[in-house]
Amino acid sequence: MATRDVEQLRHIHLFAGLPTDQLAEIAALVRERKYRRGHIIFMEGEPGEAVFFLKSGRVKIFKQDEEGREQILHYINPGEVFAEVVLFDGGEYPACAEVVEDAQVGFIKNEDLNALLLQKPAIALSLLKIMARRLRASQKQIMELALKDTTRRLASLLLELALEHGTPEEGGLRIGVHLTHQELASMIGTTRETVNRILGEFRRDKAISVTRQGIVVHKERLKTWL
């Protein structure tokens, strides 16, 4: 297996910390596909057959209600893993995955990984620890949705996006990913009109600036809305 493939796995949280020999064994299982924007990788309720990691591009994880409305759960960026929840029980995918920027996706079939984990329990233990951390993050998101009002949720989301994807510039951090007001609304469980109103309040308070290049977050000022 090429050194490049091993190094890519080393930067994926799910496999971080594994020794090179174990990474090489996992890398030998990796298959790869390229997807165009708009392609659905899997739908909620389909049998969970593989764990995926993004090599390039961008993927949206979302759920749909009976009327077809989206609730965006997460955006996957290069180096991140998704669908790991089906690793061990082979259950259904709990959400949908759609390519939003042309993507190169690596994946490992559950049956291949399970066979390896039976032979290498140390790898299985490492994976369980990573999944536990992801579970705690999900629980935190659920608590925030339950306890914070809409304005605080949007402020918290913008701060999180600025820290994860922000580019420093005079006076603040420019969020490095383009999100529509509808996408922001879906991420915090509200309407586009509500997001428009709250962003207007943030702008008047000088907590954010909005330009053609995107949203600039003024962290300290925006934190006062939490």
C-alpha atoms as a PDB file:
ATOM      1  CA  MET A   1       0.000   0.000   0.000  1.00  0.00           C
ATOM      2  CA  ALA A   2       1.349   3.417  -0.973  1.00  0.00           C
ATOM      3  CA  THR A   3       2.786   5.624   1.736  1.00  0.00           C
ATOM      4  CA  ARG A   4       0.385   8.384   0.625  1.00  0.00           C
ATOM      5  CA  ASP A   5      -2.639   6.243   1.530  1.00  0.00           C
ATOM      6  CA  VAL A   6      -1.235   5.496   4.973  1.00  0.00           C
ATOM      7  CA  GLU A   7      -0.571   9.187   5.608  1.00  0.00           C
ATOM      8  CA  GLN A   8      -4.123  10.094   4.578  1.00  0.00           C
ATOM      9  CA  LEU A   9      -5.489   7.615   7.092  1.00  0.00           C
ATOM     10  CA  ARG A  10      -3.191   9.035   9.766  1.00  0.00           C
ATOM     11  CA  HIS A  11      -4.971  12.399   9.460  1.00  0.00           C
ATOM     12  CA  ILE A  12      -8.434  10.911   9.837  1.00  0.00           C
ATOM     13  CA  HIS A  13      -9.693  11.118  13.425  1.00  0.00           C
ATOM     14  CA  LEU A  14     -11.122   7.616  13.343  1.00  0.00           C
ATOM     15  CA  PHE A  15      -7.662   6.141  12.771  1.00  0.00           C
ATOM     16  CA  ALA A  16      -5.469   8.747  14.480  1.00  0.00           C
ATOM     17  CA  GLY A  17      -2.874   7.348  16.853  1.00  0.00           C
ATOM     18  CA  LEU A  18      -2.627   3.918  15.253  1.00  0.00           C
ATOM     19  CA  PRO A  19       0.908   2.660  14.522  1.00  0.00           C
ATOM     20  CA  THR A  20       2.056   2.592  10.911  1.00  0.00           C
ATOM     21  CA  ASP A  21       1.780  -1.173  10.541  1.00  0.00           C
ATOM     22  CA  GLN A  22      -1.883  -1.118  11.604  1.00  0.00           C
ATOM     23  CA  LEU A  23      -2.614   1.862   9.369  1.00  0.00           C
ATOM     24  CA  ALA A  24      -1.121  -0.037   6.452  1.00  0.00           C
ATOM     25  CA  GLU A  25      -3.455  -2.958   7.144  1.00  0.00           C
ATOM     26  CA  ILE A  26      -6.478  -0.651   7.132  1.00  0.00           C
ATOM     27  CA  ALA A  27      -5.245   1.214   4.047  1.00  0.00           C
ATOM     28  CA  ALA A  28      -5.183  -2.094   2.186  1.00  0.00           C
ATOM     29  CA  LEU A  29      -8.978  -2.265   2.642  1.00  0.00           C
ATOM     30  CA  VAL A  30      -9.715   1.192   1.211  1.00  0.00           C
ATOM     31  CA  ARG A  31     -11.710   1.541  -1.992  1.00  0.00           C
ATOM     32  CA  GLU A  32     -12.290   4.886  -3.702  1.00  0.00           C
ATOM     33  CA  ARG A  33     -14.947   6.648  -5.766  1.00  0.00           C
ATOM     34  CA  LYS A  34     -15.415  10.094  -7.268  1.00  0.00           C
ATOM     35  CA  TYR A  35     -18.783  11.837  -7.071  1.00  0.00           C
ATOM     36  CA  ARG A  36     -20.183  14.917  -8.772  1.00  0.00           C
ATOM     37  CA  ARG A  37     -22.015  17.661  -6.911  1.00  0.00           C
ATOM     38  CA  GLY A  38     -25.590  16.663  -6.117  1.00  0.00           C
ATOM     39  CA  HIS A  39     -24.900  12.924  -5.944  1.00  0.00           C
ATOM     40  CA  ILE A  40     -26.535  11.095  -3.039  1.00  0.00           C
ATOM     41  CA  ILE A  41     -24.011   8.728  -1.474  1.00  0.00           C
ATOM     42  CA  PHE A  42     -26.613   7.052   0.708  1.00  0.00           C
ATOM     43  CA  MET A  43     -30.116   7.686   1.976  1.00  0.00           C
ATOM     44  CA  GLU A  44     -31.501   7.431   5.478  1.00  0.00           C
ATOM     45  CA  GLY A  45     -32.844   3.933   6.091  1.00  0.00           C
ATOM     46  CA  GLU A  46     -30.620   2.161   3.575  1.00  0.00           C
ATOM     47  CA  PRO A  47     -28.539  -0.779   4.879  1.00  0.00           C
ATOM     48  CA  GLY A  48     -25.267   0.466   6.341  1.00  0.00           C
ATOM     49  CA  GLU A  49     -22.560  -1.261   4.337  1.00  0.00           C
ATOM     50  CA  ALA A  50     -19.481   0.953   4.694  1.00  0.00           C
ATOM     51  CA  VAL A  51     -17.694   3.679   6.626  1.00  0.00           C
ATOM     52  CA  PHE A  52     -16.607   6.663   4.509  1.00  0.00           C
ATOM     53  CA  PHE A  53     -13.913   9.326   4.696  1.00  0.00           C
ATOM     54  CA  LEU A  54     -13.641  12.396   2.538  1.00  0.00           C
ATOM     55  CA  LYS A  55     -10.420  12.923   0.601  1.00  0.00           C
ATOM     56  CA  SER A  56     -11.506  16.061  -1.250  1.00  0.00           C
ATOM     57  CA  GLY A  57     -14.654  18.113  -1.804  1.00  0.00           C
ATOM     58  CA  ARG A  58     -17.516  18.526   0.640  1.00  0.00           C
ATOM     59  CA  VAL A  59     -20.454  16.384   1.788  1.00  0.00           C
ATOM     60  CA  LYS A  60     -23.655  17.352   3.579  1.00  0.00           C
ATOM     61  CA  ILE A  61     -25.254  15.072   6.177  1.00  0.00           C
ATOM     62  CA  PHE A  62     -28.978  15.728   6.603  1.00  0.00           C
ATOM     63  CA  LYS A  63     -32.359  14.297   7.493  1.00  0.00           C
ATOM     64  CA  GLN A  64     -35.693  14.858   5.765  1.00  0.00           C
ATOM     65  CA  ASP A  65     -39.152  15.005   7.271  1.00  0.00           C
ATOM     66  CA  GLU A  66     -42.257  13.594   5.611  1.00  0.00           C
ATOM     67  CA  GLU A  67     -42.784  16.844   3.701  1.00  0.00           C
ATOM     68  CA  GLY A  68     -39.267  16.819   2.288  1.00  0.00           C
ATOM     69  CA  ARG A  69     -37.861  19.597   4.477  1.00  0.00           C
ATOM     70  CA  GLU A  70     -34.191  19.254   5.329  1.00  0.00           C
ATOM     71  CA  GLN A  71     -32.525  19.352   8.731  1.00  0.00           C
ATOM     72  CA  ILE A  72     -28.795  19.729   8.097  1.00  0.00           C
ATOM     73  CA  LEU A  73     -26.822  17.876  10.740  1.00  0.00           C
ATOM     74  CA  HIS A  74     -23.249  18.384   9.670  1.00  0.00           C
ATOM     75  CA  TYR A  75     -20.925  19.306   6.822  1.00  0.00           C
ATOM     76  CA  ILE A  76     -18.100  16.865   6.152  1.00  0.00           C
ATOM     77  CA  ASN A  77     -14.745  18.360   5.168  1.00  0.00           C
ATOM     78  CA  PRO A  78     -11.647  16.599   3.780  1.00  0.00           C
ATOM     79  CA  GLY A  79     -10.065  14.291   6.331  1.00  0.00           C
ATOM     80  CA  GLU A  80     -13.314  13.647   8.216  1.00  0.00           C
ATOM     81  CA  VAL A  81     -15.125  10.345   8.626  1.00  0.00           C
ATOM     82  CA  PHE A  82     -18.854   9.800   8.211  1.00  0.00           C
ATOM     83  CA  ALA A  83     -21.318   6.915   8.619  1.00  0.00           C
ATOM     84  CA  GLU A  84     -19.109   5.299  11.271  1.00  0.00           C
ATOM     85  CA  VAL A  85     -22.251   4.671  13.332  1.00  0.00           C
ATOM     86  CA  VAL A  86     -22.940   1.580  11.193  1.00  0.00           C
ATOM     87  CA  LEU A  87     -19.476   0.130  11.725  1.00  0.00           C
ATOM     88  CA  PHE A  88     -20.297  -2.589  14.210  1.00  0.00           C
ATOM     89  CA  ASP A  89     -24.025  -3.305  14.103  1.00  0.00           C
ATOM     90  CA  GLY A  90     -24.567  -3.164  10.351  1.00  0.00           C
ATOM     91  CA  GLY A  91     -27.775  -1.193  10.917  1.00  0.00           C
ATOM     92  CA  GLU A  92     -29.372   1.373   8.649  1.00  0.00           C
ATOM     93  CA  TYR A  93     -27.834   4.738   7.806  1.00  0.00           C
ATOM     94  CA  PRO A  94     -29.440   7.217  10.246  1.00  0.00           C
ATOM     95  CA  ALA A  95     -29.265  10.164   7.821  1.00  0.00           C
ATOM     96  CA  CYS A  96     -28.611  11.081   4.185  1.00  0.00           C
ATOM     97  CA  ALA A  97     -25.286  12.073   2.623  1.00  0.00           C
ATOM     98  CA  GLU A  98     -25.171  14.392  -0.402  1.00  0.00           C
ATOM     99  CA  VAL A  99     -22.133  15.719  -2.269  1.00  0.00           C
ATOM    100  CA  VAL A 100     -22.197  19.538  -2.288  1.00  0.00           C
ATOM    101  CA  GLU A 101     -18.762  19.984  -3.932  1.00  0.00           C
ATOM    102  CA  ASP A 102     -17.283  17.438  -6.355  1.00  0.00           C
ATOM    103  CA  ALA A 103     -15.761  14.838  -4.072  1.00  0.00           C
ATOM    104  CA  GLN A 104     -13.245  12.041  -3.876  1.00  0.00           C
ATOM    105  CA  VAL A 105     -14.437   9.578  -1.239  1.00  0.00           C
ATOM    106  CA  GLY A 106     -12.625   6.642   0.312  1.00  0.00           C
ATOM    107  CA  PHE A 107     -14.627   3.891   1.926  1.00  0.00           C
ATOM    108  CA  ILE A 108     -14.099   0.637   3.741  1.00  0.00           C
ATOM    109  CA  LYS A 109     -16.698  -2.102   3.559  1.00  0.00           C
ATOM    110  CA  ASN A 110     -17.985  -3.199   6.957  1.00  0.00           C
ATOM    111  CA  GLU A 111     -17.390  -6.848   6.199  1.00  0.00           C
ATOM    112  CA  ASP A 112     -13.731  -6.159   5.366  1.00  0.00           C
ATOM    113  CA  LEU A 113     -13.126  -4.040   8.451  1.00  0.00           C
ATOM    114  CA  ASN A 114     -14.922  -6.471  10.754  1.00  0.00           C
ATOM    115  CA  ALA A 115     -12.677  -9.289   9.586  1.00  0.00           C
ATOM    116  CA  LEU A 116      -9.615  -7.166  10.346  1.00  0.00           C
ATOM    117  CA  LEU A 117     -10.880  -6.090  13.794  1.00  0.00           C
ATOM    118  CA  LEU A 118     -11.378  -9.716  14.799  1.00  0.00           C
ATOM    119  CA  GLN A 119      -7.696 -10.233  14.119  1.00  0.00           C
ATOM    120  CA  LYS A 120      -6.540  -6.899  15.635  1.00  0.00           C
ATOM    121  CA  PRO A 121      -8.481  -6.014  18.845  1.00  0.00           C
ATOM    122  CA  ALA A 122      -6.171  -3.038  19.523  1.00  0.00           C
ATOM    123  CA  ILE A 123      -7.553  -1.344  16.413  1.00  0.00           C
ATOM    124  CA  ALA A 124     -11.110  -2.050  17.593  1.00  0.00           C
ATOM    125  CA  LEU A 125     -10.408  -0.392  20.953  1.00  0.00           C
ATOM    126  CA  SER A 126      -9.051   2.752  19.284  1.00  0.00           C
ATOM    127  CA  LEU A 127     -12.120   3.022  17.085  1.00  0.00           C
ATOM    128  CA  LEU A 128     -14.457   2.688  20.054  1.00  0.00           C
ATOM    129  CA  LYS A 129     -12.720   5.561  21.853  1.00  0.00           C
ATOM    130  CA  ILE A 130     -13.118   7.850  18.840  1.00  0.00           C
ATOM    131  CA  MET A 131     -16.786   6.959  18.462  1.00  0.00           C
ATOM    132  CA  ALA A 132     -17.366   7.750  22.134  1.00  0.00           C
ATOM    133  CA  ARG A 133     -15.973  11.262  21.630  1.00  0.00           C
ATOM    134  CA  ARG A 134     -18.217  11.796  18.603  1.00  0.00           C
ATOM    135  CA  LEU A 135     -21.211  10.645  20.650  1.00  0.00           C
ATOM    136  CA  ARG A 136     -20.438  13.224  23.341  1.00  0.00           C
ATOM    137  CA  ALA A 137     -20.277  15.937  20.656  1.00  0.00           C
ATOM    138  CA  SER A 138     -23.686  14.879  19.345  1.00  0.00           C
ATOM    139  CA  GLN A 139     -25.146  14.943  22.838  1.00  0.00           C
ATOM    140  CA  LYS A 140     -23.801  18.474  23.307  1.00  0.00           C
ATOM    141  CA  GLN A 141     -25.518  19.584  20.100  1.00  0.00           C
ATOM    142  CA  ILE A 142     -28.809  18.089  21.275  1.00  0.00           C
ATOM    143  CA  MET A 143     -28.515  19.909  24.606  1.00  0.00           C
ATOM    144  CA  GLU A 144     -27.811  23.201  22.850  1.00  0.00           C
ATOM    145  CA  LEU A 145     -30.895  22.804  20.671  1.00  0.00           C
ATOM    146  CA  ALA A 146     -32.998  22.083  23.740  1.00  0.00           C
ATOM    147  CA  LEU A 147     -31.671  24.808  26.035  1.00  0.00           C
ATOM    148  CA  LYS A 148     -30.707  27.742  23.821  1.00  0.00           C
ATOM    149  CA  ASP A 149     -33.131  30.038  22.087  1.00  0.00           C
ATOM    150  CA  THR A 150     -32.798  30.646  18.374  1.00  0.00           C
ATOM    151  CA  THR A 151     -30.660  33.782  18.654  1.00  0.00           C
ATOM    152  CA  ARG A 152     -28.151  32.085  20.932  1.00  0.00           C
ATOM    153  CA  ARG A 153     -28.075  28.989  18.725  1.00  0.00           C
ATOM    154  CA  LEU A 154     -27.238  31.079  15.661  1.00  0.00           C
ATOM    155  CA  ALA A 155     -24.555  33.015  17.542  1.00  0.00           C
ATOM    156  CA  SER A 156     -23.068  29.750  18.783  1.00  0.00           C
ATOM    157  CA  LEU A 157     -23.114  28.263  15.270  1.00  0.00           C
ATOM    158  CA  LEU A 158     -21.409  31.292  13.712  1.00  0.00           C
ATOM    159  CA  LEU A 159     -18.710  31.236  16.372  1.00  0.00           C
ATOM    160  CA  GLU A 160     -18.149  27.524  15.796  1.00  0.00           C
ATOM    161  CA  LEU A 161     -17.918  27.992  12.027  1.00  0.00           C
ATOM    162  CA  ALA A 162     -15.511  30.900  12.487  1.00  0.00           C
ATOM    163  CA  LEU A 163     -13.233  28.840  14.713  1.00  0.00           C
ATOM    164  CA  GLU A 164     -13.285  25.806  12.412  1.00  0.00           C
ATOM    165  CA  HIS A 165     -13.193  27.518   9.015  1.00  0.00           C
ATOM    166  CA  GLY A 166     -12.324  31.154   9.756  1.00  0.00           C
ATOM    167  CA  THR A 167      -9.683  33.211   7.974  1.00  0.00           C
ATOM    168  CA  PRO A 168      -8.236  36.044  10.073  1.00  0.00           C
ATOM    169  CA  GLU A 169      -8.711  39.530   8.762  1.00  0.00           C
ATOM    170  CA  GLU A 170      -8.766  42.949  10.344  1.00  0.00           C
ATOM    171  CA  GLY A 171     -11.435  43.050  12.992  1.00  0.00           C
ATOM    172  CA  GLY A 172     -12.542  39.436  12.912  1.00  0.00           C
ATOM    173  CA  LEU A 173     -12.671  36.009  11.274  1.00  0.00           C
ATOM    174  CA  ARG A 174     -14.167  35.469   7.837  1.00  0.00           C
ATOM    175  CA  ILE A 175     -16.070  32.187   7.669  1.00  0.00           C
ATOM    176  CA  GLY A 176     -14.313  30.154   4.990  1.00  0.00           C
ATOM    177  CA  VAL A 177     -17.334  28.215   3.732  1.00  0.00           C
ATOM    178  CA  HIS A 178     -20.307  29.653   1.877  1.00  0.00           C
ATOM    179  CA  LEU A 179     -23.640  28.863   3.522  1.00  0.00           C
ATOM    180  CA  THR A 180     -26.987  30.218   2.448  1.00  0.00           C
ATOM    181  CA  HIS A 181     -29.424  31.593   5.002  1.00  0.00           C
ATOM    182  CA  GLN A 182     -31.565  28.512   4.385  1.00  0.00           C
ATOM    183  CA  GLU A 183     -28.641  26.226   5.196  1.00  0.00           C
ATOM    184  CA  LEU A 184     -27.936  28.157   8.397  1.00  0.00           C
ATOM    185  CA  ALA A 185     -31.612  27.855   9.288  1.00  0.00           C
ATOM    186  CA  SER A 186     -31.567  24.105   8.704  1.00  0.00           C
ATOM    187  CA  MET A 187     -28.512  23.693  10.930  1.00  0.00           C
ATOM    188  CA  ILE A 188     -30.230  25.271  13.943  1.00  0.00           C
ATOM    189  CA  GLY A 189     -33.779  24.088  13.307  1.00  0.00           C
ATOM    190  CA  THR A 190     -35.506  27.325  12.359  1.00  0.00           C
ATOM    191  CA  THR A 191     -36.715  29.232   9.277  1.00  0.00           C
ATOM    192  CA  ARG A 192     -34.798  31.307   6.741  1.00  0.00           C
ATOM    193  CA  GLU A 193     -36.854  34.371   7.690  1.00  0.00           C
ATOM    194  CA  THR A 194     -35.822  34.002  11.334  1.00  0.00           C
ATOM    195  CA  VAL A 195     -32.143  33.726  10.350  1.00  0.00           C
ATOM    196  CA  ASN A 196     -32.470  36.850   8.185  1.00  0.00           C
ATOM    197  CA  ARG A 197     -33.928  38.784  11.129  1.00  0.00           C
ATOM    198  CA  ILE A 198     -31.284  37.628  13.621  1.00  0.00           C
ATOM    199  CA  LEU A 199     -28.389  38.294  11.235  1.00  0.00           C
ATOM    200  CA  GLY A 200     -29.765  41.805  10.839  1.00  0.00           C
ATOM    201  CA  GLU A 201     -29.661  42.244  14.616  1.00  0.00           C
ATOM    202  CA  PHE A 202     -26.071  40.954  14.732  1.00  0.00           C
ATOM    203  CA  ARG A 203     -25.066  43.404  11.993  1.00  0.00           C
ATOM    204  CA  ARG A 204     -26.634  46.374  13.752  1.00  0.00           C
ATOM    205  CA  ASP A 205     -24.811  45.370  16.921  1.00  0.00           C
ATOM    206  CA  LYS A 206     -21.536  45.087  14.927  1.00  0.00           C
ATOM    207  CA  ALA A 207     -21.194  41.462  16.025  1.00  0.00           C
ATOM    208  CA  ILE A 208     -20.800  40.453  12.371  1.00  0.00           C
ATOM    209  CA  SER A 209     -20.141  42.081   9.018  1.00  0.00           C
ATOM    210  CA  VAL A 210     -21.572  40.751   5.761  1.00  0.00           C
ATOM    211  CA  THR A 211     -19.814  41.275   2.415  1.00  0.00           C
ATOM    212  CA  ARG A 212     -19.839  39.583  -0.970  1.00  0.00           C
ATOM    213  CA  GLN A 213     -17.070  37.318   0.302  1.00  0.00           C
ATOM    214  CA  GLY A 214     -19.178  36.084   3.201  1.00  0.00           C
ATOM    215  CA  ILE A 215     -19.718  36.656   6.908  1.00  0.00           C
ATOM    216  CA  VAL A 216     -17.021  38.166   9.125  1.00  0.00           C
ATOM    217  CA  VAL A 217     -17.445  37.259  12.779  1.00  0.00           C
ATOM    218  CA  HIS A 218     -16.332  39.710  15.471  1.00  0.00           C
ATOM    219  CA  LYS A 219     -15.859  37.107  18.169  1.00  0.00           C
ATOM    220  CA  GLU A 220     -15.915  39.082  21.383  1.00  0.00           C
ATOM    221  CA  ARG A 221     -18.939  41.096  20.365  1.00  0.00           C
ATOM    222  CA  LEU A 222     -20.844  38.041  19.131  1.00  0.00           C
ATOM    223  CA  LYS A 223     -20.105  36.191  22.377  1.00  0.00           C
ATOM    224  CA  THR A 224     -22.224  38.741  24.232  1.00  0.00           C
ATOM    225  CA  TRP A 225     -25.281  37.200  22.538  1.00  0.00           C
ATOM    226  CA  LEU A 226     -24.682  33.801  24.147  1.00  0.00           C
END
